[in-house]
Full PDB file with SEQRES, HELIX, SHEET, SSBOND, CRYST1, ORIGX, SCALE, CONECT and MASTER records, all heavy atoms in Angstrom:
SEQRES   1 A   36  ALA ASP ASP GLY ARG THR ALA VAL THR SER THR GLY MET          
SEQRES   2 A   36  GLN SER PRO VAL ALA THR LYS ARG LEU LEU PRO SER ILE          
SEQRES   3 A   36  ALA ILE LEU SER VAL PHE VAL PHE ALA THR                      
HELIX    1 AA1 LEU A   22  ALA A   35  1                                  14    
SHEET    1 AA1 2 THR A   6  VAL A   8  0                                        
SHEET    2 AA1 2 GLN A  14  PRO A  16 -1                                        
CRYST1    1.000    1.000    1.000  90.00  90.00  90.00 P 1           1          
ORIGX1      1.000000  0.000000  0.000000        0.00000                         
ORIGX2      0.000000  1.000000  0.000000        0.00000                         
ORIGX3      0.000000  0.000000  1.000000        0.00000                         
SCALE1      1.000000  0.000000  0.000000        0.00000                         
SCALE2      0.000000  1.000000  0.000000        0.00000                         
SCALE3      0.000000  0.000000  1.000000        0.00000                         
ATOM      1  N   ALA A   1      87.080 108.910  90.740  1.00  0.00           N  
ATOM      2  CA  ALA A   1      86.916 110.195  91.251  1.00  0.00           C  
ATOM      3  C   ALA A   1      88.191 110.978  91.265  1.00  0.00           C  
ATOM      4  O   ALA A   1      89.294 110.430  91.214  1.00  0.00           O  
ATOM      5  CB  ALA A   1      86.322 110.147  92.734  1.00  0.00           C  
ATOM      6  N   ASP A   2      88.152 112.341  91.354  1.00  0.00           N  
ATOM      7  CA  ASP A   2      89.301 113.143  91.329  1.00  0.00           C  
ATOM      8  C   ASP A   2      90.265 112.874  92.396  1.00  0.00           C  
ATOM      9  O   ASP A   2      91.486 112.935  92.281  1.00  0.00           O  
ATOM     10  CB  ASP A   2      88.978 114.640  91.277  1.00  0.00           C  
ATOM     11  CG  ASP A   2      88.260 115.057  90.088  1.00  0.00           C  
ATOM     12  OD1 ASP A   2      88.516 114.492  89.001  1.00  0.00           O  
ATOM     13  OD2 ASP A   2      87.345 115.995  90.124  1.00  0.00           O  
ATOM     14  N   ASP A   3      89.762 112.586  93.576  1.00  0.00           N  
ATOM     15  CA  ASP A   3      90.687 112.232  94.729  1.00  0.00           C  
ATOM     16  C   ASP A   3      91.221 110.818  94.700  1.00  0.00           C  
ATOM     17  O   ASP A   3      92.019 110.499  95.575  1.00  0.00           O  
ATOM     18  CB  ASP A   3      89.897 112.464  96.050  1.00  0.00           C  
ATOM     19  CG  ASP A   3      88.649 111.555  96.199  1.00  0.00           C  
ATOM     20  OD1 ASP A   3      88.500 110.578  95.465  1.00  0.00           O  
ATOM     21  OD2 ASP A   3      87.918 111.873  97.103  1.00  0.00           O  
ATOM     22  N   GLY A   4      90.826 110.014  93.722  1.00  0.00           N  
ATOM     23  CA  GLY A   4      91.366 108.731  93.557  1.00  0.00           C  
ATOM     24  C   GLY A   4      90.895 107.681  94.554  1.00  0.00           C  
ATOM     25  O   GLY A   4      91.369 106.548  94.565  1.00  0.00           O  
ATOM     26  N   ARG A   5      89.917 108.093  95.505  1.00  0.00           N  
ATOM     27  CA  ARG A   5      89.595 107.138  96.540  1.00  0.00           C  
ATOM     28  C   ARG A   5      88.317 106.462  96.309  1.00  0.00           C  
ATOM     29  O   ARG A   5      88.033 105.369  96.817  1.00  0.00           O  
ATOM     30  CB  ARG A   5      89.431 107.907  97.830  1.00  0.00           C  
ATOM     31  CG  ARG A   5      90.663 108.468  98.501  1.00  0.00           C  
ATOM     32  CD  ARG A   5      90.382 109.201  99.691  1.00  0.00           C  
ATOM     33  NE  ARG A   5      89.487 110.411  99.417  1.00  0.00           N  
ATOM     34  CZ  ARG A   5      88.892 111.030 100.313  1.00  0.00           C  
ATOM     35  NH1 ARG A   5      88.737 110.548 101.579  1.00  0.00           N  
ATOM     36  NH2 ARG A   5      88.150 112.024 100.040  1.00  0.00           N  
ATOM     37  N   THR A   6      87.474 106.847  95.337  1.00  0.00           N  
ATOM     38  CA  THR A   6      86.152 106.296  95.088  1.00  0.00           C  
ATOM     39  C   THR A   6      85.919 106.100  93.658  1.00  0.00           C  
ATOM     40  O   THR A   6      86.155 106.964  92.786  1.00  0.00           O  
ATOM     41  CB  THR A   6      85.083 107.351  95.624  1.00  0.00           C  
ATOM     42  OG1 THR A   6      85.335 107.516  97.040  1.00  0.00           O  
ATOM     43  CG2 THR A   6      83.648 106.730  95.474  1.00  0.00           C  
ATOM     44  N   ALA A   7      85.486 104.938  93.295  1.00  0.00           N  
ATOM     45  CA  ALA A   7      85.099 104.541  91.944  1.00  0.00           C  
ATOM     46  C   ALA A   7      83.650 104.963  91.872  1.00  0.00           C  
ATOM     47  O   ALA A   7      82.736 104.644  92.657  1.00  0.00           O  
ATOM     48  CB  ALA A   7      85.156 103.073  91.674  1.00  0.00           C  
ATOM     49  N   VAL A   8      83.274 105.720  90.789  1.00  0.00           N  
ATOM     50  CA  VAL A   8      81.938 106.216  90.592  1.00  0.00           C  
ATOM     51  C   VAL A   8      81.404 105.613  89.287  1.00  0.00           C  
ATOM     52  O   VAL A   8      81.917 105.872  88.189  1.00  0.00           O  
ATOM     53  CB  VAL A   8      81.988 107.779  90.485  1.00  0.00           C  
ATOM     54  CG1 VAL A   8      80.507 108.280  90.398  1.00  0.00           C  
ATOM     55  CG2 VAL A   8      82.680 108.439  91.706  1.00  0.00           C  
ATOM     56  N   THR A   9      80.297 104.878  89.404  1.00  0.00           N  
ATOM     57  CA  THR A   9      79.698 104.280  88.283  1.00  0.00           C  
ATOM     58  C   THR A   9      78.935 105.373  87.500  1.00  0.00           C  
ATOM     59  O   THR A   9      78.621 106.385  87.953  1.00  0.00           O  
ATOM     60  CB  THR A   9      78.811 103.167  88.675  1.00  0.00           C  
ATOM     61  OG1 THR A   9      77.728 103.596  89.348  1.00  0.00           O  
ATOM     62  CG2 THR A   9      79.609 102.119  89.520  1.00  0.00           C  
ATOM     63  N   SER A  10      78.380 105.051  86.293  1.00  0.00           N  
ATOM     64  CA  SER A  10      77.635 105.864  85.555  1.00  0.00           C  
ATOM     65  C   SER A  10      76.227 106.106  86.180  1.00  0.00           C  
ATOM     66  O   SER A  10      75.573 107.064  85.878  1.00  0.00           O  
ATOM     67  CB  SER A  10      77.464 105.386  84.122  1.00  0.00           C  
ATOM     68  OG  SER A  10      78.667 105.249  83.545  1.00  0.00           O  
ATOM     69  N   THR A  11      75.766 105.258  87.100  1.00  0.00           N  
ATOM     70  CA  THR A  11      74.522 105.531  87.794  1.00  0.00           C  
ATOM     71  C   THR A  11      74.767 106.496  88.949  1.00  0.00           C  
ATOM     72  O   THR A  11      73.779 106.862  89.536  1.00  0.00           O  
ATOM     73  CB  THR A  11      74.059 104.238  88.327  1.00  0.00           C  
ATOM     74  OG1 THR A  11      75.003 103.764  89.285  1.00  0.00           O  
ATOM     75  CG2 THR A  11      73.792 103.182  87.258  1.00  0.00           C  
ATOM     76  N   GLY A  12      75.971 106.902  89.272  1.00  0.00           N  
ATOM     77  CA  GLY A  12      76.218 107.730  90.478  1.00  0.00           C  
ATOM     78  C   GLY A  12      76.507 106.896  91.692  1.00  0.00           C  
ATOM     79  O   GLY A  12      76.847 107.506  92.630  1.00  0.00           O  
ATOM     80  N   MET A  13      76.279 105.671  91.721  1.00  0.00           N  
ATOM     81  CA  MET A  13      76.590 104.931  92.924  1.00  0.00           C  
ATOM     82  C   MET A  13      78.176 104.738  92.987  1.00  0.00           C  
ATOM     83  O   MET A  13      78.837 104.663  92.041  1.00  0.00           O  
ATOM     84  CB  MET A  13      75.961 103.452  92.777  1.00  0.00           C  
ATOM     85  CG  MET A  13      74.435 103.511  92.829  1.00  0.00           C  
ATOM     86  SD  MET A  13      73.767 101.826  92.900  1.00  0.00           S  
ATOM     87  CE  MET A  13      71.970 102.124  92.795  1.00  0.00           C  
ATOM     88  N   GLN A  14      78.615 104.631  94.231  1.00  0.00           N  
ATOM     89  CA  GLN A  14      79.982 104.611  94.477  1.00  0.00           C  
ATOM     90  C   GLN A  14      80.431 103.296  95.095  1.00  0.00           C  
ATOM     91  O   GLN A  14      79.719 102.707  95.931  1.00  0.00           O  
ATOM     92  CB  GLN A  14      80.384 105.784  95.379  1.00  0.00           C  
ATOM     93  CG  GLN A  14      80.116 107.174  94.739  1.00  0.00           C  
ATOM     94  CD  GLN A  14      80.501 108.362  95.714  1.00  0.00           C  
ATOM     95  OE1 GLN A  14      80.708 108.035  96.866  1.00  0.00           O  
ATOM     96  NE2 GLN A  14      80.590 109.414  95.112  1.00  0.00           N  
ATOM     97  N   SER A  15      81.752 102.899  94.716  1.00  0.00           N  
ATOM     98  CA  SER A  15      82.275 101.795  95.354  1.00  0.00           C  
ATOM     99  C   SER A  15      83.759 102.221  95.643  1.00  0.00           C  
ATOM    100  O   SER A  15      84.362 102.989  94.964  1.00  0.00           O  
ATOM    101  CB  SER A  15      82.309 100.472  94.432  1.00  0.00           C  
ATOM    102  OG  SER A  15      81.004 100.125  94.164  1.00  0.00           O  
ATOM    103  N   PRO A  16      84.372 101.498  96.712  1.00  0.00           N  
ATOM    104  CA  PRO A  16      85.801 101.817  96.896  1.00  0.00           C  
ATOM    105  C   PRO A  16      86.628 101.430  95.759  1.00  0.00           C  
ATOM    106  O   PRO A  16      86.464 100.450  95.103  1.00  0.00           O  
ATOM    107  CB  PRO A  16      86.029 101.031  98.224  1.00  0.00           C  
ATOM    108  CG  PRO A  16      84.727 100.575  98.739  1.00  0.00           C  
ATOM    109  CD  PRO A  16      83.866 100.467  97.608  1.00  0.00           C  
ATOM    110  N   VAL A  17      87.626 102.243  95.502  1.00  0.00           N  
ATOM    111  CA  VAL A  17      88.716 101.849  94.586  1.00  0.00           C  
ATOM    112  C   VAL A  17      89.371 100.651  95.054  1.00  0.00           C  
ATOM    113  O   VAL A  17      89.535 100.412  96.241  1.00  0.00           O  
ATOM    114  CB  VAL A  17      89.693 103.011  94.330  1.00  0.00           C  
ATOM    115  CG1 VAL A  17      90.949 102.468  93.687  1.00  0.00           C  
ATOM    116  CG2 VAL A  17      89.040 104.100  93.491  1.00  0.00           C  
ATOM    117  N   ALA A  18      89.739  99.845  94.111  1.00  0.00           N  
ATOM    118  CA  ALA A  18      90.411  98.467  94.564  1.00  0.00           C  
ATOM    119  C   ALA A  18      91.628  98.589  95.466  1.00  0.00           C  
ATOM    120  O   ALA A  18      92.449  99.465  95.227  1.00  0.00           O  
ATOM    121  CB  ALA A  18      90.801  97.750  93.292  1.00  0.00           C  
ATOM    122  N   THR A  19      91.545  97.872  96.519  1.00  0.00           N  
ATOM    123  CA  THR A  19      92.696  97.798  97.447  1.00  0.00           C  
ATOM    124  C   THR A  19      93.581  96.675  96.998  1.00  0.00           C  
ATOM    125  O   THR A  19      93.302  95.913  96.066  1.00  0.00           O  
ATOM    126  CB  THR A  19      92.353  97.470  98.922  1.00  0.00           C  
ATOM    127  OG1 THR A  19      91.501  96.177  98.878  1.00  0.00           O  
ATOM    128  CG2 THR A  19      91.218  98.557  99.364  1.00  0.00           C  
ATOM    129  N   LYS A  20      94.787  96.605  97.564  1.00  0.00           N  
ATOM    130  CA  LYS A  20      95.725  95.540  97.244  1.00  0.00           C  
ATOM    131  C   LYS A  20      95.134  94.121  97.491  1.00  0.00           C  
ATOM    132  O   LYS A  20      95.564  93.174  96.773  1.00  0.00           O  
ATOM    133  CB  LYS A  20      97.041  95.696  98.036  1.00  0.00           C  
ATOM    134  CG  LYS A  20      97.803  97.013  97.606  1.00  0.00           C  
ATOM    135  CD  LYS A  20      99.138  96.966  98.411  1.00  0.00           C  
ATOM    136  CE  LYS A  20      99.968  98.243  97.955  1.00  0.00           C  
ATOM    137  NZ  LYS A  20     101.204  98.300  98.702  1.00  0.00           N  
ATOM    138  N   ARG A  21      94.331  94.032  98.368  1.00  0.00           N  
ATOM    139  CA  ARG A  21      93.815  92.547  98.635  1.00  0.00           C  
ATOM    140  C   ARG A  21      92.565  92.209  97.810  1.00  0.00           C  
ATOM    141  O   ARG A  21      92.220  91.087  97.784  1.00  0.00           O  
ATOM    142  CB  ARG A  21      93.375  92.455 100.149  1.00  0.00           C  
ATOM    143  CG  ARG A  21      92.122  93.305 100.597  1.00  0.00           C  
ATOM    144  CD  ARG A  21      91.851  93.023 102.062  1.00  0.00           C  
ATOM    145  NE  ARG A  21      90.893  94.012 102.614  1.00  0.00           N  
ATOM    146  CZ  ARG A  21      91.232  95.025 103.410  1.00  0.00           C  
ATOM    147  NH1 ARG A  21      92.459  95.255 103.625  1.00  0.00           N  
ATOM    148  NH2 ARG A  21      90.263  95.822 103.761  1.00  0.00           N  
ATOM    149  N   LEU A  22      92.096  93.205  97.057  1.00  0.00           N  
ATOM    150  CA  LEU A  22      90.901  92.780  96.118  1.00  0.00           C  
ATOM    151  C   LEU A  22      91.305  91.890  95.041  1.00  0.00           C  
ATOM    152  O   LEU A  22      90.523  90.947  94.854  1.00  0.00           O  
ATOM    153  CB  LEU A  22      90.197  94.125  95.573  1.00  0.00           C  
ATOM    154  CG  LEU A  22      88.998  93.878  94.758  1.00  0.00           C  
ATOM    155  CD1 LEU A  22      87.928  93.200  95.556  1.00  0.00           C  
ATOM    156  CD2 LEU A  22      88.502  95.179  94.240  1.00  0.00           C  
ATOM    157  N   LEU A  23      92.376  92.096  94.353  1.00  0.00           N  
ATOM    158  CA  LEU A  23      92.788  91.227  93.330  1.00  0.00           C  
ATOM    159  C   LEU A  23      92.860  89.752  93.882  1.00  0.00           C  
ATOM    160  O   LEU A  23      92.338  88.842  93.231  1.00  0.00           O  
ATOM    161  CB  LEU A  23      94.072  91.682  92.653  1.00  0.00           C  
ATOM    162  CG  LEU A  23      93.897  92.775  91.646  1.00  0.00           C  
ATOM    163  CD1 LEU A  23      95.338  93.156  91.052  1.00  0.00           C  
ATOM    164  CD2 LEU A  23      93.109  92.221  90.414  1.00  0.00           C  
ATOM    165  N   PRO A  24      93.699  89.502  94.823  1.00  0.00           N  
ATOM    166  CA  PRO A  24      93.846  88.063  95.318  1.00  0.00           C  
ATOM    167  C   PRO A  24      92.523  87.562  95.806  1.00  0.00           C  
ATOM    168  O   PRO A  24      92.128  86.403  95.813  1.00  0.00           O  
ATOM    169  CB  PRO A  24      94.888  88.135  96.405  1.00  0.00           C  
ATOM    170  CG  PRO A  24      95.040  89.577  96.779  1.00  0.00           C  
ATOM    171  CD  PRO A  24      94.704  90.334  95.483  1.00  0.00           C  
ATOM    172  N   SER A  25      91.617  88.442  96.380  1.00  0.00           N  
ATOM    173  CA  SER A  25      90.330  88.015  96.866  1.00  0.00           C  
ATOM    174  C   SER A  25      89.443  87.563  95.798  1.00  0.00           C  
ATOM    175  O   SER A  25      88.780  86.535  95.868  1.00  0.00           O  
ATOM    176  CB  SER A  25      89.744  89.123  97.689  1.00  0.00           C  
ATOM    177  OG  SER A  25      90.314  89.535  98.832  1.00  0.00           O  
ATOM    178  N   ILE A  26      89.440  88.365  94.669  1.00  0.00           N  
ATOM    179  CA  ILE A  26      88.751  87.893  93.482  1.00  0.00           C  
ATOM    180  C   ILE A  26      89.228  86.537  92.994  1.00  0.00           C  
ATOM    181  O   ILE A  26      88.405  85.613  92.592  1.00  0.00           O  
ATOM    182  CB  ILE A  26      88.805  88.895  92.362  1.00  0.00           C  
ATOM    183  CG1 ILE A  26      88.033  90.265  92.754  1.00  0.00           C  
ATOM    184  CG2 ILE A  26      88.223  88.378  91.040  1.00  0.00           C  
ATOM    185  CD1 ILE A  26      88.204  91.259  91.760  1.00  0.00           C  
ATOM    186  N   ALA A  27      90.579  86.320  92.938  1.00  0.00           N  
ATOM    187  CA  ALA A  27      91.081  85.080  92.488  1.00  0.00           C  
ATOM    188  C   ALA A  27      90.657  83.937  93.307  1.00  0.00           C  
ATOM    189  O   ALA A  27      90.289  82.908  92.946  1.00  0.00           O  
ATOM    190  CB  ALA A  27      92.629  85.274  92.436  1.00  0.00           C  
ATOM    191  N   ILE A  28      90.726  84.175  94.742  1.00  0.00           N  
ATOM    192  CA  ILE A  28      90.462  83.144  95.708  1.00  0.00           C  
ATOM    193  C   ILE A  28      88.959  82.616  95.624  1.00  0.00           C  
ATOM    194  O   ILE A  28      88.671  81.422  95.581  1.00  0.00           O  
ATOM    195  CB  ILE A  28      90.870  83.571  97.075  1.00  0.00           C  
ATOM    196  CG1 ILE A  28      92.352  83.562  97.235  1.00  0.00           C  
ATOM    197  CG2 ILE A  28      90.230  82.547  98.171  1.00  0.00           C  
ATOM    198  CD1 ILE A  28      92.772  84.298  98.488  1.00  0.00           C  
ATOM    199  N   LEU A  29      88.087  83.712  95.569  1.00  0.00           N  
ATOM    200  CA  LEU A  29      86.687  83.327  95.454  1.00  0.00           C  
ATOM    201  C   LEU A  29      86.336  82.679  94.152  1.00  0.00           C  
ATOM    202  O   LEU A  29      85.608  81.670  94.046  1.00  0.00           O  
ATOM    203  CB  LEU A  29      85.752  84.525  95.737  1.00  0.00           C  
ATOM    204  CG  LEU A  29      84.334  84.358  95.644  1.00  0.00           C  
ATOM    205  CD1 LEU A  29      83.853  83.221  96.595  1.00  0.00           C  
ATOM    206  CD2 LEU A  29      83.508  85.576  95.940  1.00  0.00           C  
ATOM    207  N   SER A  30      87.023  83.104  93.107  1.00  0.00           N  
ATOM    208  CA  SER A  30      86.811  82.435  91.752  1.00  0.00           C  
ATOM    209  C   SER A  30      87.247  80.929  91.829  1.00  0.00           C  
ATOM    210  O   SER A  30      86.668  80.065  91.279  1.00  0.00           O  
ATOM    211  CB  SER A  30      87.465  83.229  90.730  1.00  0.00           C  
ATOM    212  OG  SER A  30      87.088  84.471  90.556  1.00  0.00           O  
ATOM    213  N   VAL A  31      88.322  80.748  92.611  1.00  0.00           N  
ATOM    214  CA  VAL A  31      88.835  79.407  92.773  1.00  0.00           C  
ATOM    215  C   VAL A  31      87.773  78.511  93.274  1.00  0.00           C  
ATOM    216  O   VAL A  31      87.494  77.450  92.732  1.00  0.00           O  
ATOM    217  CB  VAL A  31      90.085  79.315  93.609  1.00  0.00           C  
ATOM    218  CG1 VAL A  31      90.349  77.916  94.148  1.00  0.00           C  
ATOM    219  CG2 VAL A  31      91.338  79.929  92.909  1.00  0.00           C  
ATOM    220  N   PHE A  32      87.162  79.006  94.343  1.00  0.00           N  
ATOM    221  CA  PHE A  32      86.110  78.094  95.007  1.00  0.00           C  
ATOM    222  C   PHE A  32      84.846  77.989  94.352  1.00  0.00           C  
ATOM    223  O   PHE A  32      84.198  76.864  94.259  1.00  0.00           O  
ATOM    224  CB  PHE A  32      85.894  78.626  96.431  1.00  0.00           C  
ATOM    225  CG  PHE A  32      87.005  78.165  97.383  1.00  0.00           C  
ATOM    226  CD1 PHE A  32      88.167  78.951  97.570  1.00  0.00           C  
ATOM    227  CD2 PHE A  32      86.825  76.989  98.107  1.00  0.00           C  
ATOM    228  CE1 PHE A  32      89.182  78.526  98.440  1.00  0.00           C  
ATOM    229  CE2 PHE A  32      87.868  76.645  99.056  1.00  0.00           C  
ATOM    230  CZ  PHE A  32      88.992  77.464  99.167  1.00  0.00           C  
ATOM    231  N   VAL A  33      84.447  79.037  93.566  1.00  0.00           N  
ATOM    232  CA  VAL A  33      83.193  78.977  92.694  1.00  0.00           C  
ATOM    233  C   VAL A  33      83.433  77.980  91.550  1.00  0.00           C  
ATOM    234  O   VAL A  33      82.620  77.098  91.391  1.00  0.00           O  
ATOM    235  CB  VAL A  33      82.924  80.364  92.195  1.00  0.00           C  
ATOM    236  CG1 VAL A  33      81.796  80.270  91.001  1.00  0.00           C  
ATOM    237  CG2 VAL A  33      82.424  81.287  93.222  1.00  0.00           C  
ATOM    238  N   PHE A  34      84.576  78.024  90.896  1.00  0.00           N  
ATOM    239  CA  PHE A  34      84.799  77.195  89.751  1.00  0.00           C  
ATOM    240  C   PHE A  34      85.284  75.807  90.096  1.00  0.00           C  
ATOM    241  O   PHE A  34      85.160  74.884  89.414  1.00  0.00           O  
ATOM    242  CB  PHE A  34      85.770  77.898  88.783  1.00  0.00           C  
ATOM    243  CG  PHE A  34      85.157  78.968  88.005  1.00  0.00           C  
ATOM    244  CD1 PHE A  34      85.361  80.404  88.373  1.00  0.00           C  
ATOM    245  CD2 PHE A  34      84.274  78.738  87.007  1.00  0.00           C  
ATOM    246  CE1 PHE A  34      84.689  81.354  87.743  1.00  0.00           C  
ATOM    247  CE2 PHE A  34      83.630  79.780  86.281  1.00  0.00           C  
ATOM    248  CZ  PHE A  34      83.864  81.079  86.654  1.00  0.00           C  
ATOM    249  N   ALA A  35      85.788  75.723  91.362  1.00  0.00           N  
ATOM    250  CA  ALA A  35      86.131  74.449  91.908  1.00  0.00           C  
ATOM    251  C   ALA A  35      84.841  73.598  92.060  1.00  0.00           C  
ATOM    252  O   ALA A  35      84.795  72.393  91.807  1.00  0.00           O  
ATOM    253  CB  ALA A  35      86.928  74.521  93.247  1.00  0.00           C  
ATOM    254  N   THR A  36      83.791  74.284  92.568  1.00  0.00           N  
ATOM    255  CA  THR A  36      82.539  73.668  92.686  1.00  0.00           C  
ATOM    256  C   THR A  36      81.924  73.221  91.397  1.00  0.00           C  
ATOM    257  O   THR A  36      81.427  72.044  91.235  1.00  0.00           O  
ATOM    258  CB  THR A  36      81.507  74.491  93.473  1.00  0.00           C  
ATOM    259  OG1 THR A  36      82.097  74.960  94.702  1.00  0.00           O  
ATOM    260  CG2 THR A  36      80.227  73.938  93.693  1.00  0.00           C  
TER     261      THR A  36                                                      
MASTER        0    0    0    1    2    0    0    6  260    1    0    3          
END                                                                             
């Protein structure tokens, strides 16, 4: 979005733009999924 705060998909649904903790969160959850 123009204000940089919201990610807007092509369907019009919105999600928050990635915070600093999202990247490590993705990595950590991926660790446990693929560890299983």
